[in-house]
Amino acid sequence: MTNTSRFIFLLCVVTIVDSQIQTAKMKNSDLTIASQEKSRCLAGACAGIPYEKIQNLYRGIFYTKNELQMKLKELNSYTSRTSRSPLWQKKLRKPYDYSSRFRINAGSHDGDHCCPTYCDLIFPPVLNNTVGVPRYIVHFPDSQPEPMYQFIPRGRCVSGGNCKSCEQEYAIHSLLVIDMTGPPYFEFDDFYLKSYCSCKG
């Protein structure tokens, strides 16, 4: 085989390999787009599984907005009470401020004189977990007759307290997420969420 024929042979091999690589890249990008579409909750399904089936598998974690507002009111009432609440509520509530014996009418915050906390609800489609990996959160934004969401409370610092240095505190919250690595396509993951405001000075 002469040098010219060797060069032509190698050129053909490189062209074929390059063509195969480009085809693989196109297939992977198509898979990525399809995976991203499947990983969202749209048109009555999450990861291709109907909302009704997910609700049957994971009972009691999806609520309408009205139900969520009632749960938030319950949570806010726990944050303004003493530490006599059950243990499962303590992880979500703000520690009781014993220096403040009388509670004011909270209005838009929890009534803490030191570092007030405003509690509301969030419905993010994606959140970064505790190790910083973005995860798709399971919600049913287009379910009928009403959209349904997981309960995700958030407590943020509000100005107007007596403390010189208030600091935002976080709590770990477990949420149902979509896992596209394989069946069952759903798992619980942990997320740091804003929980309450504490006095540091």
C-alpha atoms as a PDB file:
ATOM      1  CA  MET A   1       0.000   0.000   0.000  1.00  0.00           C
ATOM      2  CA  THR A   2       1.464   3.328  -1.024  1.00  0.00           C
ATOM      3  CA  ASN A   3       1.555   6.424   1.166  1.00  0.00           C
ATOM      4  CA  THR A   4      -1.219   8.033  -0.867  1.00  0.00           C
ATOM      5  CA  SER A   5      -3.551   5.068  -0.502  1.00  0.00           C
ATOM      6  CA  ARG A   6      -2.767   4.876   3.244  1.00  0.00           C
ATOM      7  CA  PHE A   7      -3.620   8.562   3.604  1.00  0.00           C
ATOM      8  CA  ILE A   8      -6.919   8.110   1.709  1.00  0.00           C
ATOM      9  CA  PHE A   9      -7.775   5.043   3.842  1.00  0.00           C
ATOM     10  CA  LEU A  10      -7.078   6.961   7.120  1.00  0.00           C
ATOM     11  CA  LEU A  11      -9.052   9.940   5.859  1.00  0.00           C
ATOM     12  CA  CYS A  12     -12.045   7.675   5.159  1.00  0.00           C
ATOM     13  CA  VAL A  13     -11.786   6.084   8.628  1.00  0.00           C
ATOM     14  CA  VAL A  14     -11.578   9.499  10.327  1.00  0.00           C
ATOM     15  CA  THR A  15     -14.587  10.743   8.314  1.00  0.00           C
ATOM     16  CA  ILE A  16     -16.652   7.678   9.255  1.00  0.00           C
ATOM     17  CA  VAL A  17     -15.721   7.961  12.959  1.00  0.00           C
ATOM     18  CA  ASP A  18     -16.431  11.712  12.956  1.00  0.00           C
ATOM     19  CA  SER A  19     -19.820  11.059  11.321  1.00  0.00           C
ATOM     20  CA  GLN A  20     -20.643   8.457  13.997  1.00  0.00           C
ATOM     21  CA  ILE A  21     -19.644  10.880  16.777  1.00  0.00           C
ATOM     22  CA  GLN A  22     -21.857  13.644  15.323  1.00  0.00           C
ATOM     23  CA  THR A  23     -24.784  11.197  15.036  1.00  0.00           C
ATOM     24  CA  ALA A  24     -24.289  10.113  18.667  1.00  0.00           C
ATOM     25  CA  LYS A  25     -24.180  13.755  19.812  1.00  0.00           C
ATOM     26  CA  MET A  26     -27.432  14.503  17.967  1.00  0.00           C
ATOM     27  CA  LYS A  27     -29.105  11.458  19.535  1.00  0.00           C
ATOM     28  CA  ASN A  28     -27.855  12.474  22.996  1.00  0.00           C
ATOM     29  CA  SER A  29     -29.155  16.030  22.583  1.00  0.00           C
ATOM     30  CA  ASP A  30     -32.538  14.637  21.472  1.00  0.00           C
ATOM     31  CA  LEU A  31     -32.546  12.350  24.509  1.00  0.00           C
ATOM     32  CA  THR A  32     -31.651  15.282  26.768  1.00  0.00           C
ATOM     33  CA  ILE A  33     -34.530  17.362  25.397  1.00  0.00           C
ATOM     34  CA  ALA A  34     -36.922  14.412  25.719  1.00  0.00           C
ATOM     35  CA  SER A  35     -35.644  13.721  29.241  1.00  0.00           C
ATOM     36  CA  GLN A  36     -36.136  17.357  30.260  1.00  0.00           C
ATOM     37  CA  GLU A  37     -39.695  17.313  28.894  1.00  0.00           C
ATOM     38  CA  LYS A  38     -40.451  14.039  30.693  1.00  0.00           C
ATOM     39  CA  SER A  39     -38.913  15.294  33.933  1.00  0.00           C
ATOM     40  CA  ARG A  40     -41.530  18.020  34.298  1.00  0.00           C
ATOM     41  CA  CYS A  41     -45.113  17.669  35.410  1.00  0.00           C
ATOM     42  CA  LEU A  42     -47.200  18.668  32.415  1.00  0.00           C
ATOM     43  CA  ALA A  43     -50.471  17.654  30.745  1.00  0.00           C
ATOM     44  CA  GLY A  44     -51.659  15.478  33.618  1.00  0.00           C
ATOM     45  CA  ALA A  45     -48.461  13.427  34.079  1.00  0.00           C
ATOM     46  CA  CYS A  46     -45.014  13.512  35.706  1.00  0.00           C
ATOM     47  CA  ALA A  47     -42.292  11.398  34.073  1.00  0.00           C
ATOM     48  CA  GLY A  48     -45.083   9.897  31.967  1.00  0.00           C
ATOM     49  CA  ILE A  49     -47.057   8.731  35.027  1.00  0.00           C
ATOM     50  CA  PRO A  50     -50.580  10.166  35.527  1.00  0.00           C
ATOM     51  CA  TYR A  51     -51.198  12.484  38.487  1.00  0.00           C
ATOM     52  CA  GLU A  52     -53.874  10.155  39.899  1.00  0.00           C
ATOM     53  CA  LYS A  53     -51.421   7.251  40.126  1.00  0.00           C
ATOM     54  CA  ILE A  54     -48.796   9.441  41.847  1.00  0.00           C
ATOM     55  CA  GLN A  55     -51.414  10.681  44.332  1.00  0.00           C
ATOM     56  CA  ASN A  56     -52.381   7.087  45.138  1.00  0.00           C
ATOM     57  CA  LEU A  57     -48.721   6.133  45.673  1.00  0.00           C
ATOM     58  CA  TYR A  58     -47.906   9.184  47.817  1.00  0.00           C
ATOM     59  CA  ARG A  59     -51.067   9.969  49.757  1.00  0.00           C
ATOM     60  CA  GLY A  60     -51.292  13.062  51.928  1.00  0.00           C
ATOM     61  CA  ILE A  61     -48.493  15.169  50.442  1.00  0.00           C
ATOM     62  CA  PHE A  62     -50.406  17.083  47.752  1.00  0.00           C
ATOM     63  CA  TYR A  63     -52.806  19.912  48.594  1.00  0.00           C
ATOM     64  CA  THR A  64     -54.894  22.545  46.858  1.00  0.00           C
ATOM     65  CA  LYS A  65     -53.923  26.185  47.467  1.00  0.00           C
ATOM     66  CA  ASN A  66     -56.795  26.616  49.955  1.00  0.00           C
ATOM     67  CA  GLU A  67     -55.648  23.557  51.916  1.00  0.00           C
ATOM     68  CA  LEU A  68     -52.082  24.853  51.850  1.00  0.00           C
ATOM     69  CA  GLN A  69     -53.183  28.231  53.252  1.00  0.00           C
ATOM     70  CA  MET A  70     -54.906  26.406  56.130  1.00  0.00           C
ATOM     71  CA  LYS A  71     -51.729  24.385  56.797  1.00  0.00           C
ATOM     72  CA  LEU A  72     -49.710  27.620  56.796  1.00  0.00           C
ATOM     73  CA  LYS A  73     -52.089  29.155  59.361  1.00  0.00           C
ATOM     74  CA  GLU A  74     -51.615  26.068  61.550  1.00  0.00           C
ATOM     75  CA  LEU A  75     -47.849  26.383  61.196  1.00  0.00           C
ATOM     76  CA  ASN A  76     -47.941  30.086  62.073  1.00  0.00           C
ATOM     77  CA  SER A  77     -50.008  29.343  65.175  1.00  0.00           C
ATOM     78  CA  TYR A  78     -47.367  26.816  66.277  1.00  0.00           C
ATOM     79  CA  THR A  79     -44.528  29.297  65.831  1.00  0.00           C
ATOM     80  CA  SER A  80     -46.196  31.760  68.192  1.00  0.00           C
ATOM     81  CA  ARG A  81     -46.795  29.194  70.963  1.00  0.00           C
ATOM     82  CA  THR A  82     -44.456  27.988  73.667  1.00  0.00           C
ATOM     83  CA  SER A  83     -42.263  24.935  73.247  1.00  0.00           C
ATOM     84  CA  ARG A  84     -45.074  22.588  74.337  1.00  0.00           C
ATOM     85  CA  SER A  85     -45.816  21.522  70.752  1.00  0.00           C
ATOM     86  CA  PRO A  86     -45.133  17.919  69.646  1.00  0.00           C
ATOM     87  CA  LEU A  87     -41.621  16.983  68.521  1.00  0.00           C
ATOM     88  CA  TRP A  88     -42.468  16.703  64.797  1.00  0.00           C
ATOM     89  CA  GLN A  89     -43.576  20.344  64.822  1.00  0.00           C
ATOM     90  CA  LYS A  90     -40.451  21.604  66.603  1.00  0.00           C
ATOM     91  CA  LYS A  91     -38.231  21.096  63.575  1.00  0.00           C
ATOM     92  CA  LEU A  92     -40.383  23.514  61.533  1.00  0.00           C
ATOM     93  CA  ARG A  93     -41.131  26.095  64.171  1.00  0.00           C
ATOM     94  CA  LYS A  94     -39.092  28.966  65.467  1.00  0.00           C
ATOM     95  CA  PRO A  95     -37.620  28.511  68.962  1.00  0.00           C
ATOM     96  CA  TYR A  96     -39.673  30.322  71.581  1.00  0.00           C
ATOM     97  CA  ASP A  97     -38.277  33.655  72.742  1.00  0.00           C
ATOM     98  CA  TYR A  98     -38.633  33.525  76.548  1.00  0.00           C
ATOM     99  CA  SER A  99     -37.571  37.181  76.947  1.00  0.00           C
ATOM    100  CA  SER A 100     -40.763  38.212  75.168  1.00  0.00           C
ATOM    101  CA  ARG A 101     -43.572  37.236  77.549  1.00  0.00           C
ATOM    102  CA  PHE A 102     -46.345  39.004  75.685  1.00  0.00           C
ATOM    103  CA  ARG A 103     -47.044  38.403  72.015  1.00  0.00           C
ATOM    104  CA  ILE A 104     -48.156  41.263  69.819  1.00  0.00           C
ATOM    105  CA  ASN A 105     -50.718  40.876  67.051  1.00  0.00           C
ATOM    106  CA  ALA A 106     -48.452  39.455  64.372  1.00  0.00           C
ATOM    107  CA  GLY A 107     -50.206  40.675  61.230  1.00  0.00           C
ATOM    108  CA  SER A 108     -47.675  39.924  58.485  1.00  0.00           C
ATOM    109  CA  HIS A 109     -45.078  38.214  60.688  1.00  0.00           C
ATOM    110  CA  ASP A 110     -44.781  35.831  63.643  1.00  0.00           C
ATOM    111  CA  GLY A 111     -44.931  38.511  66.364  1.00  0.00           C
ATOM    112  CA  ASP A 112     -41.363  38.048  67.604  1.00  0.00           C
ATOM    113  CA  HIS A 113     -40.041  41.328  69.068  1.00  0.00           C
ATOM    114  CA  CYS A 114     -36.410  40.357  68.456  1.00  0.00           C
ATOM    115  CA  CYS A 115     -36.191  39.078  64.872  1.00  0.00           C
ATOM    116  CA  PRO A 116     -39.613  38.814  63.203  1.00  0.00           C
ATOM    117  CA  THR A 117     -40.136  36.083  60.617  1.00  0.00           C
ATOM    118  CA  TYR A 118     -42.591  36.290  57.723  1.00  0.00           C
ATOM    119  CA  CYS A 119     -43.928  32.871  56.671  1.00  0.00           C
ATOM    120  CA  ASP A 120     -45.329  32.132  53.240  1.00  0.00           C
ATOM    121  CA  LEU A 121     -45.538  29.279  50.737  1.00  0.00           C
ATOM    122  CA  ILE A 122     -43.480  28.640  47.631  1.00  0.00           C
ATOM    123  CA  PHE A 123     -44.182  26.362  44.643  1.00  0.00           C
ATOM    124  CA  PRO A 124     -40.851  26.055  42.800  1.00  0.00           C
ATOM    125  CA  PRO A 125     -40.669  23.659  39.850  1.00  0.00           C
ATOM    126  CA  VAL A 126     -36.931  23.124  40.484  1.00  0.00           C
ATOM    127  CA  LEU A 127     -34.807  23.381  43.648  1.00  0.00           C
ATOM    128  CA  ASN A 128     -31.160  22.611  44.396  1.00  0.00           C
ATOM    129  CA  ASN A 129     -30.848  19.804  46.944  1.00  0.00           C
ATOM    130  CA  THR A 130     -28.491  19.865  49.951  1.00  0.00           C
ATOM    131  CA  VAL A 131     -25.511  18.984  47.737  1.00  0.00           C
ATOM    132  CA  GLY A 132     -26.382  21.588  45.086  1.00  0.00           C
ATOM    133  CA  VAL A 133     -27.927  19.305  42.433  1.00  0.00           C
ATOM    134  CA  PRO A 134     -31.034  20.761  40.724  1.00  0.00           C
ATOM    135  CA  ARG A 135     -34.088  18.500  41.180  1.00  0.00           C
ATOM    136  CA  TYR A 136     -37.550  18.701  39.617  1.00  0.00           C
ATOM    137  CA  ILE A 137     -40.179  18.977  42.365  1.00  0.00           C
ATOM    138  CA  VAL A 138     -43.406  17.021  41.887  1.00  0.00           C
ATOM    139  CA  HIS A 139     -46.389  19.388  41.681  1.00  0.00           C
ATOM    140  CA  PHE A 140     -49.609  19.098  39.701  1.00  0.00           C
ATOM    141  CA  PRO A 141     -49.964  22.639  38.278  1.00  0.00           C
ATOM    142  CA  ASP A 142     -52.563  21.689  35.662  1.00  0.00           C
ATOM    143  CA  SER A 143     -54.576  19.070  37.558  1.00  0.00           C
ATOM    144  CA  GLN A 144     -58.365  19.309  37.494  1.00  0.00           C
ATOM    145  CA  PRO A 145     -60.487  20.616  39.148  1.00  0.00           C
ATOM    146  CA  GLU A 146     -57.696  22.436  41.069  1.00  0.00           C
ATOM    147  CA  PRO A 147     -53.896  22.518  40.882  1.00  0.00           C
ATOM    148  CA  MET A 148     -52.165  20.608  43.700  1.00  0.00           C
ATOM    149  CA  TYR A 149     -48.788  21.218  45.307  1.00  0.00           C
ATOM    150  CA  GLN A 150     -46.514  19.918  48.025  1.00  0.00           C
ATOM    151  CA  PHE A 151     -46.387  21.906  51.272  1.00  0.00           C
ATOM    152  CA  ILE A 152     -43.230  24.041  51.110  1.00  0.00           C
ATOM    153  CA  PRO A 153     -43.234  26.734  53.823  1.00  0.00           C
ATOM    154  CA  ARG A 154     -40.624  29.490  53.830  1.00  0.00           C
ATOM    155  CA  GLY A 155     -39.736  31.771  56.749  1.00  0.00           C
ATOM    156  CA  ARG A 156     -37.863  34.993  55.941  1.00  0.00           C
ATOM    157  CA  CYS A 157     -36.411  37.717  58.127  1.00  0.00           C
ATOM    158  CA  VAL A 158     -38.497  40.886  58.398  1.00  0.00           C
ATOM    159  CA  SER A 159     -37.115  44.259  59.464  1.00  0.00           C
ATOM    160  CA  GLY A 160     -38.378  45.968  62.611  1.00  0.00           C
ATOM    161  CA  GLY A 161     -37.096  43.786  65.453  1.00  0.00           C
ATOM    162  CA  ASN A 162     -35.164  44.818  68.566  1.00  0.00           C
ATOM    163  CA  CYS A 163     -32.114  42.674  67.750  1.00  0.00           C
ATOM    164  CA  LYS A 164     -28.974  44.333  66.357  1.00  0.00           C
ATOM    165  CA  SER A 165     -28.002  41.324  64.228  1.00  0.00           C
ATOM    166  CA  CYS A 166     -30.660  38.975  62.838  1.00  0.00           C
ATOM    167  CA  GLU A 167     -29.624  35.930  60.850  1.00  0.00           C
ATOM    168  CA  GLN A 168     -31.602  33.821  58.399  1.00  0.00           C
ATOM    169  CA  GLU A 169     -31.833  30.203  59.584  1.00  0.00           C
ATOM    170  CA  TYR A 170     -32.445  27.181  57.357  1.00  0.00           C
ATOM    171  CA  ALA A 171     -34.152  23.833  57.914  1.00  0.00           C
ATOM    172  CA  ILE A 172     -33.926  20.606  55.946  1.00  0.00           C
ATOM    173  CA  HIS A 173     -37.168  19.792  54.159  1.00  0.00           C
ATOM    174  CA  SER A 174     -37.841  16.501  52.316  1.00  0.00           C
ATOM    175  CA  LEU A 175     -39.769  16.733  49.053  1.00  0.00           C
ATOM    176  CA  LEU A 176     -40.896  14.288  46.409  1.00  0.00           C
ATOM    177  CA  VAL A 177     -38.806  14.749  43.253  1.00  0.00           C
ATOM    178  CA  ILE A 178     -38.606  13.197  39.816  1.00  0.00           C
ATOM    179  CA  ASP A 179     -35.781  10.691  39.322  1.00  0.00           C
ATOM    180  CA  MET A 180     -35.252   9.931  35.632  1.00  0.00           C
ATOM    181  CA  THR A 181     -32.558   7.275  36.249  1.00  0.00           C
ATOM    182  CA  GLY A 182     -35.200   4.565  36.190  1.00  0.00           C
ATOM    183  CA  PRO A 183     -38.353   3.177  37.735  1.00  0.00           C
ATOM    184  CA  PRO A 184     -40.066   4.115  40.034  1.00  0.00           C
ATOM    185  CA  TYR A 185     -39.095   7.613  38.741  1.00  0.00           C
ATOM    186  CA  PHE A 186     -39.816   9.259  42.092  1.00  0.00           C
ATOM    187  CA  GLU A 187     -37.863   9.634  45.320  1.00  0.00           C
ATOM    188  CA  PHE A 188     -37.616  11.946  48.306  1.00  0.00           C
ATOM    189  CA  ASP A 189     -34.699  14.354  48.469  1.00  0.00           C
ATOM    190  CA  ASP A 190     -33.574  16.903  51.079  1.00  0.00           C
ATOM    191  CA  PHE A 191     -33.427  20.669  50.565  1.00  0.00           C
ATOM    192  CA  TYR A 192     -32.257  23.589  52.703  1.00  0.00           C
ATOM    193  CA  LEU A 193     -35.143  26.045  52.944  1.00  0.00           C
ATOM    194  CA  LYS A 194     -35.399  29.374  54.730  1.00  0.00           C
ATOM    195  CA  SER A 195     -37.086  28.577  58.020  1.00  0.00           C
ATOM    196  CA  TYR A 196     -36.925  31.429  60.540  1.00  0.00           C
ATOM    197  CA  CYS A 197     -34.929  34.446  61.697  1.00  0.00           C
ATOM    198  CA  SER A 198     -32.762  34.317  64.827  1.00  0.00           C
ATOM    199  CA  CYS A 199     -31.027  36.990  66.906  1.00  0.00           C
ATOM    200  CA  LYS A 200     -27.218  36.818  66.962  1.00  0.00           C
ATOM    201  CA  GLY A 201     -26.407  40.006  68.821  1.00  0.00           C
END
